[in-house]
Structure formats: structure tokens, C-alpha cells
Protein backbone atom coordinates (compact mmCIF):
# COMPACT_ATOMS: atom_id res chain seq x y z
CA MET A 1 11.26 4.45 -11.36
CA SER A 2 10.43 5.51 -7.84
CA SER A 3 6.95 4.84 -6.46
CA PRO A 4 4.83 7.64 -5.12
CA SER A 5 4.79 7.30 -1.38
CA ARG A 6 1.53 7.09 0.53
CA TYR A 7 2.95 9.94 2.61
CA ALA A 8 3.96 12.20 -0.31
CA ALA A 9 1.07 14.62 0.25
CA VAL A 10 1.24 14.51 4.05
CA GLY A 11 2.73 17.52 5.75
CA THR A 12 5.18 17.60 8.62
CA ALA A 13 5.21 19.33 11.98
CA THR A 14 7.72 19.74 14.79
CA TRP A 15 7.28 18.83 18.43
CA THR A 16 9.39 20.64 21.00
CA ALA A 17 10.56 18.28 23.75
CA PRO A 18 10.82 19.47 27.37
CA ASP A 19 14.59 19.82 26.91
CA GLY A 20 14.00 22.19 23.96
CA SER A 21 15.07 19.75 21.25
CA GLN A 22 12.99 19.72 18.07
CA VAL A 23 11.47 16.44 16.84
CA PRO A 24 9.97 16.45 13.34
CA TYR A 25 7.05 14.13 12.59
CA LEU A 26 4.51 13.40 9.87
CA LEU A 27 1.00 14.70 10.24
CA ARG A 28 -1.88 12.26 10.18
CA ARG A 29 -2.67 10.58 6.86
CA PHE A 30 -6.38 10.27 6.18
CA LEU A 31 -7.50 7.28 4.12
CA PRO A 32 -9.77 7.85 1.15
CA ARG A 33 -13.33 6.57 1.44
CA ILE A 34 -13.93 3.22 -0.21
CA GLY A 35 -15.03 3.94 -3.77
CA GLN A 36 -13.43 7.40 -3.80
CA LEU A 37 -10.43 6.25 -5.87
CA ALA A 38 -11.04 5.83 -9.58
CA THR A 39 -11.00 2.13 -10.48
CA LEU A 40 -9.18 0.79 -13.53
CA ARG A 41 -10.69 -2.70 -13.24
CA THR A 42 -11.33 -5.49 -10.79
CA TYR A 43 -9.16 -8.52 -10.17
CA GLN A 44 -10.03 -11.92 -8.72
CA VAL A 45 -7.32 -13.12 -6.35
CA ARG A 46 -5.86 -16.52 -7.22
CA PRO A 47 -4.25 -19.09 -4.91
CA GLY A 48 -0.70 -18.01 -4.08
CA ASP A 49 -1.26 -14.33 -4.92
CA ARG A 50 0.25 -11.76 -2.57
CA VAL A 51 -0.70 -8.10 -2.46
CA ASP A 52 2.78 -6.98 -3.61
CA VAL A 53 2.67 -9.37 -6.57
CA ILE A 54 -0.84 -8.18 -7.46
CA ALA A 55 0.40 -4.57 -7.33
CA TYR A 56 3.28 -5.49 -9.63
CA THR A 57 1.16 -7.39 -12.18
CA GLN A 58 -1.75 -4.94 -12.17
CA LEU A 59 -0.03 -1.57 -11.55
CA GLY A 60 3.56 -2.28 -12.60
CA ASP A 61 5.11 -1.63 -9.19
CA PRO A 62 5.04 -3.85 -6.07
CA GLU A 63 5.52 -0.79 -3.86
CA LEU A 64 2.01 0.38 -4.82
CA SER A 65 0.45 -2.37 -2.69
CA TRP A 66 -0.61 0.35 -0.23
CA LEU A 67 -2.82 1.80 -2.98
CA LEU A 68 -4.64 -1.55 -3.29
CA ALA A 69 -5.24 -1.55 0.47
CA ASP A 70 -6.60 2.03 0.29
CA ALA A 71 -9.03 1.09 -2.51
CA ASN A 72 -10.51 -1.99 -0.82
CA PRO A 73 -12.31 -2.49 2.51
CA VAL A 74 -9.55 -4.29 4.44
CA SER A 75 -7.85 -3.72 7.77
CA ARG A 76 -4.47 -5.04 6.62
CA PRO A 77 -3.03 -5.28 3.09
CA SER A 78 -2.47 -9.01 3.63
CA ASP A 79 -6.28 -9.40 3.83
CA LEU A 80 -6.23 -8.99 0.04
CA ASN A 81 -4.39 -12.32 -0.34
CA GLN A 82 -7.60 -14.40 -0.06
CA PRO A 83 -8.19 -16.58 -3.16
CA GLY A 84 -11.54 -15.87 -4.78
CA LEU A 85 -11.75 -12.32 -3.41
CA THR A 86 -12.54 -9.70 -6.07
CA ILE A 87 -10.60 -6.51 -5.44
CA ALA A 88 -10.66 -3.05 -7.00
CA ILE A 89 -7.52 -2.04 -8.89
CA PRO A 90 -7.34 1.78 -8.59
CA LEU A 91 -5.65 4.23 -10.89
CA PRO A 92 -2.01 4.66 -9.82
CA ALA A 93 -1.08 7.71 -7.74
CA GLY A 94 -4.48 7.81 -6.06
CA VAL A 95 -6.26 9.81 -8.74
CA PRO A 96 -9.64 10.75 -7.20
CA SER A 97 -12.77 9.48 -8.89
CA ALA A 98 -14.97 11.94 -10.76
CA GLN A 99 -18.05 10.63 -8.93
């Protein structure tokens, strides 16, 4: 099963270099506001946990670790590795909350 990419809904554009060559690039990805993603449950991080392992055990796919970072107020996904921290486990695929 392939994971939905965090860039799946992001469009592309093309930059024209001075020599006329075309360079495609991804448009900016805006992060959801904290609390905007629907939460399945919370999880208390245990010693030795890593964000990819949490994504695997809680969402079934380690490549969804980016979704955990989007759903919690952290600067880096690795900030979620702190034992004792309670984190939000969002619905997979970034389903927006009905709030």
C-alpha cells in the first residue's frame, strides 16, 4: 500500500531560467492549523518511541509520520519522540475536522 504524500494536493508551477530552460517546482504547502485535523485518539509517548514507529503502530504506516507532525505543535517531527509527551493521532489522509 502506498502512503498518501504530504505533497499530493500541492500543485506545480514552472520557472523559466534566463537561458529559456523550464524548471518545474512544487508550490508552497500550507500546514493545517493545530486542531484542524480530526483526531482519532491521543497517545502518550514511551521511552524509545520514534515518530515513524508511532505512525506505524497508531496509523499502520511509518510513512505517515508527517501527519503526526502536522497534527501536533512541533517544529520538527523528532520533537514528538519525548517520553511522557501526549500527542494527537489524527485521522489518516488529513481528513479535516468538522469543527
